[in-house]
Amino acid sequence: MKTNKISIKTNTKNYSIVIGRALIGKIDKIFEANGLKFDKCLIVTDKNIPNKFKKLLYRKLKIKKNFKLEMTASEKNKNYHAIEKIHNILFDNRFNREDCVISFGGGIIGDIVGFASSTFKRGIKFINIPSTLLSQVDSSIGGKTGVNNKFGKNLIGSFYQPDLVVSDISILSSLPKREIICGYAEILKSSLIDNFDNFLYLDKNLDKILKLESPFIEKSIIKSCNLKKKVVEKDEIEKNYRKVLNLGHTFAHSYESTLGFSKKLNHGEAVILGIKNATEFSFKKKFLSKEKFNTIFNHINRIGMKPKIERLFKKKDISKIINFMKIDKKNNSNNINLILIKDFGKIILDFQISPLNLKKFISNTLN
């Protein structure tokens, strides 16, 4: 497979996403080709990445002073303490804004490193090397960074675009199937936002994509990245249009927060459940036709996701779910803002619903 390059142009920064196989082995050449030079860098890696990839990255980086930090990627560790760890290394070793921090991990590591980079001396160079399918198709692109706190998920953060994204598809073969499904959630979401043809491609090739077969996985990643590019370039800091990317996420984030970011439900699984809820709600409100509702629902049921929402939550959890929905970033009134779907490629951005009415819908969903 040839290496693909997607250029992102935003108001704050222009950068490239490089997508291909065996890219870690030529990372020094990729940096050079993209005009990235620095004498000092901190590499923050996810402990779960196989050692062969980490060692290859360390060996191939032609930089005078390399510092390394390994972190355990979990939503519970995505907090201020992780940011302070990174900042302490940068300050102790006298990093300046022309030096660089490299994230080598999934979306959690990317979010932490991106936020730490944006707040260190008001911005240091930041390179993202996403190691999971979810981060390659979504979180590594577009500049959203952040950490969690007791009030919810990603409520503290910034918009800070990377200087480069390098997506090595070869790393994906080391992931368990659950992680592949997690990433597929964002691929599915992108197709619903984009157009029916993209969805049909996924529907026809679902099993091949989940098995990471070529050229199906490559095409799916590139299609998702191009959709994200289109959205981010149009609305970099989510003033309006970029909200389309939150399809299913109001439900998803509240589920994750209610469970205390438990391993029972990872982010991608929560997104799939959230898309399922948003689709069902859209159908009940007569925004979405029965035929299209069934098409999407049948596809989701074919994914083979293990967590069943009715087994994860009990009736006593419903109030907690609603409370987390109330403090969602998209809300600007006492109502809850939902992102719904009218058709493939037609997303409703600002559907307002009272907490009481939404509580009834969720209660019925859990029965």
Protein backbone atom coordinates (compact mmCIF):
# COMPACT_ATOMS: atom_id res chain seq x y z
CA MET A 1 0.00 0.00 0.00
CA LYS A 2 1.29 3.46 -0.83
CA THR A 3 1.64 6.11 1.86
CA ASN A 4 -1.22 8.60 1.85
CA LYS A 5 -0.96 12.21 2.96
CA ILE A 6 -3.91 14.39 3.96
CA SER A 7 -3.33 18.11 4.49
CA ILE A 8 -5.30 19.93 7.17
CA LYS A 9 -5.58 23.73 6.96
CA THR A 10 -7.04 25.55 9.97
CA ASN A 11 -6.94 29.15 11.17
CA THR A 12 -4.31 28.31 13.78
CA LYS A 13 -2.10 25.75 12.02
CA ASN A 14 -1.56 23.75 8.82
CA TYR A 15 -0.32 20.17 9.20
CA SER A 16 -0.34 16.75 7.56
CA ILE A 17 -1.73 13.34 8.42
CA VAL A 18 0.53 10.61 7.03
CA ILE A 19 -1.21 7.21 6.69
CA GLY A 20 0.43 3.95 5.66
CA ARG A 21 2.20 0.78 6.78
CA ALA A 22 5.63 0.39 8.41
CA LEU A 23 5.89 4.15 9.00
CA ILE A 24 7.61 3.95 12.39
CA GLY A 25 10.67 2.48 10.68
CA LYS A 26 11.06 5.64 8.60
CA ILE A 27 9.88 8.20 11.13
CA ASP A 28 13.08 10.26 10.80
CA LYS A 29 12.50 10.66 7.05
CA ILE A 30 8.84 11.55 7.61
CA PHE A 31 9.82 14.29 10.07
CA GLU A 32 12.39 15.63 7.63
CA ALA A 33 9.94 15.57 4.71
CA ASN A 34 7.50 17.63 6.80
CA GLY A 35 10.12 20.19 7.84
CA LEU A 36 10.19 19.18 11.51
CA LYS A 37 13.55 19.73 13.20
CA PHE A 38 14.27 20.02 16.92
CA ASP A 39 17.16 19.15 19.24
CA LYS A 40 15.14 17.99 22.21
CA CYS A 41 11.96 15.96 22.61
CA LEU A 42 9.87 14.12 25.19
CA ILE A 43 8.23 10.90 23.97
CA VAL A 44 5.16 9.93 25.99
CA THR A 45 4.14 6.35 25.25
CA ASP A 46 1.31 4.07 26.26
CA LYS A 47 2.64 1.12 28.29
CA ASN A 48 0.41 -1.24 26.28
CA ILE A 49 2.23 -0.63 22.98
CA PRO A 50 4.39 -3.68 22.14
CA ASN A 51 8.07 -3.15 22.92
CA LYS A 52 9.15 -3.79 19.33
CA PHE A 53 7.33 -0.65 18.16
CA LYS A 54 8.61 1.47 21.04
CA LYS A 55 12.21 0.36 20.52
CA LEU A 56 11.93 0.98 16.78
CA LEU A 57 10.64 4.52 17.37
CA TYR A 58 13.41 5.33 19.88
CA ARG A 59 16.04 3.95 17.50
CA LYS A 60 14.80 5.79 14.43
CA LEU A 61 14.41 9.22 16.01
CA LYS A 62 17.52 11.22 15.07
CA ILE A 63 17.30 13.77 17.88
CA LYS A 64 20.16 14.87 20.16
CA LYS A 65 18.26 14.68 23.46
CA ASN A 66 15.39 12.22 23.92
CA PHE A 67 13.42 11.93 27.16
CA LYS A 68 10.92 9.14 27.72
CA LEU A 69 7.80 8.78 29.83
CA GLU A 70 5.53 5.72 29.84
CA MET A 71 1.97 6.05 31.07
CA THR A 72 -0.90 3.65 31.69
CA ALA A 73 -3.70 4.75 29.39
CA SER A 74 -7.02 4.77 31.24
CA GLU A 75 -9.80 7.31 31.62
CA LYS A 76 -9.14 7.31 35.38
CA ASN A 77 -5.53 8.42 34.75
CA LYS A 78 -6.61 11.16 32.34
CA ASN A 79 -6.35 13.95 34.90
CA TYR A 80 -4.33 16.91 36.22
CA HIS A 81 -1.75 14.60 37.77
CA ALA A 82 -0.80 13.23 34.34
CA ILE A 83 -0.40 16.77 32.99
CA GLU A 84 1.84 17.70 35.91
CA LYS A 85 4.06 14.66 35.28
CA ILE A 86 4.70 15.82 31.72
CA HIS A 87 5.20 19.47 32.70
CA ASN A 88 7.70 18.54 35.42
CA ILE A 89 9.92 16.71 32.91
CA LEU A 90 9.73 19.64 30.49
CA PHE A 91 10.62 22.20 33.15
CA ASP A 92 13.32 20.07 34.80
CA ASN A 93 15.06 19.65 31.44
CA ARG A 94 14.61 23.25 30.28
CA PHE A 95 12.46 22.62 27.26
CA ASN A 96 11.52 25.64 25.18
CA ARG A 97 8.73 26.25 22.68
CA GLU A 98 10.87 25.13 19.74
CA ASP A 99 11.37 21.69 21.31
CA CYS A 100 8.78 18.93 20.90
CA VAL A 101 6.51 16.52 22.75
CA ILE A 102 5.55 13.31 20.92
CA SER A 103 2.49 11.27 21.82
CA PHE A 104 2.77 7.57 20.98
CA GLY A 105 -0.47 5.93 22.06
CA GLY A 106 -4.22 5.96 21.72
CA GLY A 107 -6.72 8.74 22.22
CA ILE A 108 -6.20 9.02 25.98
CA ILE A 109 -2.44 9.57 25.65
CA GLY A 110 -3.01 11.92 22.72
CA ASP A 111 -5.52 14.01 24.70
CA ILE A 112 -3.20 14.23 27.73
CA VAL A 113 -0.09 15.06 25.71
CA GLY A 114 -1.95 17.55 23.52
CA PHE A 115 -3.31 19.40 26.54
CA ALA A 116 0.07 19.38 28.31
CA SER A 117 1.70 20.71 25.11
CA SER A 118 -0.87 23.48 24.70
CA THR A 119 -0.40 24.73 28.26
CA PHE A 120 3.41 24.47 28.54
CA LYS A 121 4.68 28.02 27.98
CA ARG A 122 1.44 28.60 26.02
CA GLY A 123 2.36 26.04 23.39
CA ILE A 124 5.20 23.68 22.45
CA LYS A 125 5.52 21.60 19.27
CA PHE A 126 3.34 18.51 19.39
CA ILE A 127 3.47 15.39 17.19
CA ASN A 128 0.83 12.67 17.42
CA ILE A 129 1.60 9.04 16.51
CA PRO A 130 -1.74 7.31 17.19
CA SER A 131 -1.50 3.60 17.99
CA THR A 132 -5.18 2.59 18.08
CA LEU A 133 -7.81 2.52 15.37
CA LEU A 134 -9.99 5.00 17.25
CA SER A 135 -7.17 7.54 17.57
CA GLN A 136 -6.12 7.09 13.93
CA VAL A 137 -9.60 7.85 12.59
CA ASP A 138 -10.72 10.46 15.09
CA SER A 139 -9.01 11.77 18.22
CA SER A 140 -5.57 12.45 16.72
CA ILE A 141 -7.09 14.86 14.18
CA GLY A 142 -8.66 18.23 14.82
CA GLY A 143 -6.92 19.53 17.92
CA LYS A 144 -9.30 18.59 20.72
CA THR A 145 -7.33 17.93 23.91
CA GLY A 146 -8.43 17.50 27.49
CA VAL A 147 -8.67 15.67 30.78
CA ASN A 148 -11.49 14.37 32.98
CA ASN A 149 -12.60 15.38 36.45
CA LYS A 150 -15.34 14.39 38.90
CA PHE A 151 -17.88 16.46 36.98
CA GLY A 152 -17.46 14.50 33.74
CA LYS A 153 -15.41 13.62 30.68
CA ASN A 154 -13.17 16.07 28.78
CA LEU A 155 -14.59 19.11 30.55
CA ILE A 156 -11.13 20.67 30.95
CA GLY A 157 -9.14 21.11 27.77
CA SER A 158 -8.15 23.21 24.80
CA PHE A 159 -8.14 23.29 21.02
CA TYR A 160 -4.52 22.74 20.01
CA GLN A 161 -3.62 21.39 16.58
CA PRO A 162 -0.66 18.99 16.27
CA ASP A 163 2.31 19.77 14.01
CA LEU A 164 2.08 16.32 12.42
CA VAL A 165 0.04 13.09 12.69
CA VAL A 166 1.64 9.78 11.66
CA SER A 167 -0.78 6.82 11.48
CA ASP A 168 1.04 3.51 11.08
CA ILE A 169 -1.58 0.88 10.23
CA SER A 170 0.92 -1.92 11.01
CA ILE A 171 0.49 -1.24 14.74
CA LEU A 172 -3.21 -2.11 14.62
CA SER A 173 -2.53 -5.83 14.27
CA SER A 174 -1.36 -5.84 17.90
CA LEU A 175 -4.77 -4.69 19.18
CA PRO A 176 -7.43 -7.00 20.68
CA LYS A 177 -10.74 -7.23 18.82
CA ARG A 178 -12.47 -5.10 21.44
CA GLU A 179 -10.14 -2.21 20.59
CA ILE A 180 -10.81 -2.62 16.87
CA ILE A 181 -14.55 -2.40 17.54
CA CYS A 182 -13.87 0.66 19.68
CA GLY A 183 -12.23 2.38 16.70
CA TYR A 184 -14.91 1.17 14.32
CA ALA A 185 -17.43 3.22 16.30
CA GLU A 186 -15.89 6.42 14.91
CA ILE A 187 -15.65 5.00 11.39
CA LEU A 188 -19.38 4.22 11.52
CA LYS A 189 -20.14 7.69 12.91
CA SER A 190 -18.18 9.32 10.08
CA SER A 191 -20.14 7.42 7.44
CA LEU A 192 -23.48 8.50 8.94
CA ILE A 193 -22.34 12.12 8.92
CA ASP A 194 -20.83 11.90 5.42
CA ASN A 195 -23.06 10.03 2.95
CA PHE A 196 -24.95 6.82 2.20
CA ASP A 197 -22.27 5.50 -0.19
CA ASN A 198 -19.68 5.49 2.60
CA PHE A 199 -22.10 3.67 4.89
CA LEU A 200 -22.83 1.08 2.18
CA TYR A 201 -19.09 0.45 1.81
CA LEU A 202 -18.91 -0.31 5.54
CA ASP A 203 -22.06 -2.43 5.46
CA LYS A 204 -20.73 -4.51 2.58
CA ASN A 205 -17.21 -4.94 4.02
CA LEU A 206 -17.82 -4.94 7.78
CA ASP A 207 -16.17 -8.30 8.51
CA LYS A 208 -13.10 -7.49 6.38
CA ILE A 209 -12.66 -4.11 8.06
CA LEU A 210 -12.90 -5.61 11.55
CA LYS A 211 -10.27 -8.18 10.52
CA LEU A 212 -8.02 -5.30 9.32
CA GLU A 213 -7.86 -6.70 5.78
CA SER A 214 -6.32 -4.61 2.97
CA PRO A 215 -7.41 -2.47 1.23
CA PHE A 216 -10.64 -2.25 3.26
CA ILE A 217 -9.16 -0.99 6.53
CA GLU A 218 -6.98 1.57 4.71
CA LYS A 219 -9.93 2.94 2.72
CA SER A 220 -12.06 3.17 5.87
CA ILE A 221 -9.38 5.10 7.75
CA ILE A 222 -8.79 7.50 4.86
CA LYS A 223 -12.54 8.13 4.39
CA SER A 224 -12.91 8.93 8.10
CA CYS A 225 -9.88 11.23 8.12
CA ASN A 226 -11.18 13.10 5.07
CA LEU A 227 -14.55 13.62 6.75
CA LYS A 228 -12.82 14.93 9.89
CA LYS A 229 -10.65 17.22 7.73
CA LYS A 230 -13.74 18.69 6.05
CA VAL A 231 -15.47 19.36 9.35
CA VAL A 232 -12.44 20.77 11.21
CA GLU A 233 -11.47 23.09 8.37
CA LYS A 234 -15.01 24.48 8.30
CA ASP A 235 -15.34 24.92 12.08
CA GLU A 236 -12.08 24.50 14.00
CA ILE A 237 -13.29 25.33 17.51
CA GLU A 238 -16.80 23.86 17.40
CA LYS A 239 -18.85 27.01 17.23
CA ASN A 240 -21.53 25.28 15.20
CA TYR A 241 -20.95 22.77 12.36
CA ARG A 242 -18.30 20.70 14.15
CA LYS A 243 -20.99 19.55 16.57
CA VAL A 244 -21.92 16.93 13.94
CA LEU A 245 -18.93 14.94 15.21
CA ASN A 246 -20.71 14.55 18.54
CA LEU A 247 -23.38 12.25 17.12
CA GLY A 248 -24.04 9.71 19.90
CA HIS A 249 -21.52 11.35 22.24
CA THR A 250 -23.92 13.06 24.65
CA PHE A 251 -25.25 9.63 25.59
CA ALA A 252 -21.80 8.01 25.40
CA HIS A 253 -19.96 10.42 27.71
CA SER A 254 -22.72 10.25 30.32
CA TYR A 255 -22.59 6.44 30.29
CA GLU A 256 -18.81 6.45 30.76
CA SER A 257 -19.00 9.01 33.56
CA THR A 258 -21.85 7.18 35.34
CA LEU A 259 -19.76 3.99 35.38
CA GLY A 260 -16.76 5.93 36.74
CA PHE A 261 -14.80 5.23 33.53
CA SER A 262 -14.92 1.52 34.29
CA LYS A 263 -13.39 -1.12 32.02
CA LYS A 264 -16.89 -2.53 31.63
CA LEU A 265 -17.45 0.05 28.89
CA ASN A 266 -14.74 1.68 26.81
CA HIS A 267 -15.18 4.91 24.86
CA GLY A 268 -15.86 3.35 21.47
CA GLU A 269 -18.43 0.94 22.89
CA ALA A 270 -20.13 3.86 24.60
CA VAL A 271 -20.19 5.73 21.27
CA ILE A 272 -21.84 2.77 19.52
CA LEU A 273 -24.49 2.62 22.24
CA GLY A 274 -24.86 6.40 21.96
CA ILE A 275 -25.32 6.23 18.18
CA LYS A 276 -27.90 3.51 18.72
CA ASN A 277 -29.76 5.75 21.19
CA ALA A 278 -29.54 8.84 18.96
CA THR A 279 -30.81 6.81 15.99
CA GLU A 280 -33.72 5.37 17.97
CA PHE A 281 -34.61 8.79 19.39
CA SER A 282 -34.47 10.31 15.89
CA PHE A 283 -36.87 7.62 14.64
CA LYS A 284 -39.28 8.13 17.55
CA LYS A 285 -39.32 11.87 16.83
CA LYS A 286 -40.05 11.06 13.15
CA PHE A 287 -36.86 12.70 11.89
CA LEU A 288 -35.55 9.39 10.54
CA SER A 289 -37.56 7.02 8.35
CA LYS A 290 -38.28 3.47 9.51
CA GLU A 291 -36.31 2.04 6.59
CA LYS A 292 -33.15 4.01 7.40
CA PHE A 293 -33.57 3.38 11.12
CA ASN A 294 -33.67 -0.38 10.47
CA THR A 295 -30.66 -0.17 8.12
CA ILE A 296 -28.52 1.52 10.78
CA PHE A 297 -29.81 -0.65 13.63
CA ASN A 298 -29.17 -3.88 11.74
CA HIS A 299 -25.62 -2.76 10.96
CA ILE A 300 -24.92 -1.96 14.62
CA ASN A 301 -26.27 -5.35 15.69
CA ARG A 302 -23.85 -7.05 13.25
CA ILE A 303 -20.81 -5.46 14.90
CA GLY A 304 -20.90 -8.03 17.70
CA MET A 305 -20.29 -5.71 20.61
CA LYS A 306 -20.43 -7.46 23.98
CA PRO A 307 -21.70 -4.82 26.43
CA LYS A 308 -25.49 -4.70 26.49
CA ILE A 309 -26.73 -1.40 27.86
CA GLU A 310 -29.51 -2.99 29.89
CA ARG A 311 -26.92 -5.08 31.75
CA LEU A 312 -24.62 -2.14 32.51
CA PHE A 313 -27.12 0.14 34.22
CA LYS A 314 -29.96 -0.18 36.69
CA LYS A 315 -32.95 2.10 37.16
CA LYS A 316 -31.20 3.86 40.03
CA ASP A 317 -28.49 4.99 37.59
CA ILE A 318 -30.86 6.95 35.34
CA SER A 319 -30.77 10.15 37.43
CA LYS A 320 -26.98 10.04 37.43
CA ILE A 321 -26.92 9.60 33.63
CA ILE A 322 -29.18 12.64 33.22
CA ASN A 323 -27.07 14.74 35.61
CA PHE A 324 -23.96 14.07 33.52
CA MET A 325 -25.92 14.96 30.38
CA LYS A 326 -26.90 18.29 31.97
CA ILE A 327 -23.27 19.41 32.24
CA ASP A 328 -22.37 18.37 28.71
CA LYS A 329 -20.28 21.06 26.92
CA LYS A 330 -22.88 21.54 24.16
CA ASN A 331 -25.63 22.71 26.51
CA ASN A 332 -26.38 26.42 26.80
CA SER A 333 -29.71 26.31 28.64
CA ASN A 334 -31.55 24.20 31.21
CA ASN A 335 -32.41 21.75 28.42
CA ILE A 336 -30.12 19.04 27.10
CA ASN A 337 -28.80 19.43 23.57
CA LEU A 338 -28.84 16.26 21.45
CA ILE A 339 -27.21 15.65 18.06
CA LEU A 340 -29.69 13.62 15.99
CA ILE A 341 -29.87 12.18 12.48
CA LYS A 342 -32.41 12.96 9.76
CA ASP A 343 -30.73 11.00 6.97
CA PHE A 344 -27.26 9.86 5.87
CA GLY A 345 -25.31 13.11 5.59
CA LYS A 346 -28.05 15.13 7.28
CA ILE A 347 -27.44 15.74 10.99
CA ILE A 348 -29.60 17.79 13.37
CA LEU A 349 -27.25 19.89 15.53
CA ASP A 350 -29.39 21.49 18.22
CA PHE A 351 -32.36 19.44 19.33
CA GLN A 352 -33.37 20.70 22.76
CA ILE A 353 -35.09 18.36 25.20
CA SER A 354 -35.98 18.74 28.85
CA PRO A 355 -34.16 16.48 31.33
CA LEU A 356 -37.52 15.00 32.39
CA ASN A 357 -38.49 13.92 28.86
CA LEU A 358 -35.04 12.52 28.16
CA LYS A 359 -35.20 10.61 31.44
CA LYS A 360 -38.36 8.87 30.19
CA PHE A 361 -36.63 7.85 26.94
CA ILE A 362 -33.56 6.46 28.74
CA SER A 363 -35.76 4.66 31.24
CA ASN A 364 -37.57 2.89 28.38
CA THR A 365 -34.21 2.08 26.74
CA LEU A 366 -32.98 0.33 29.88
CA ASN A 367 -36.13 -1.79 30.22
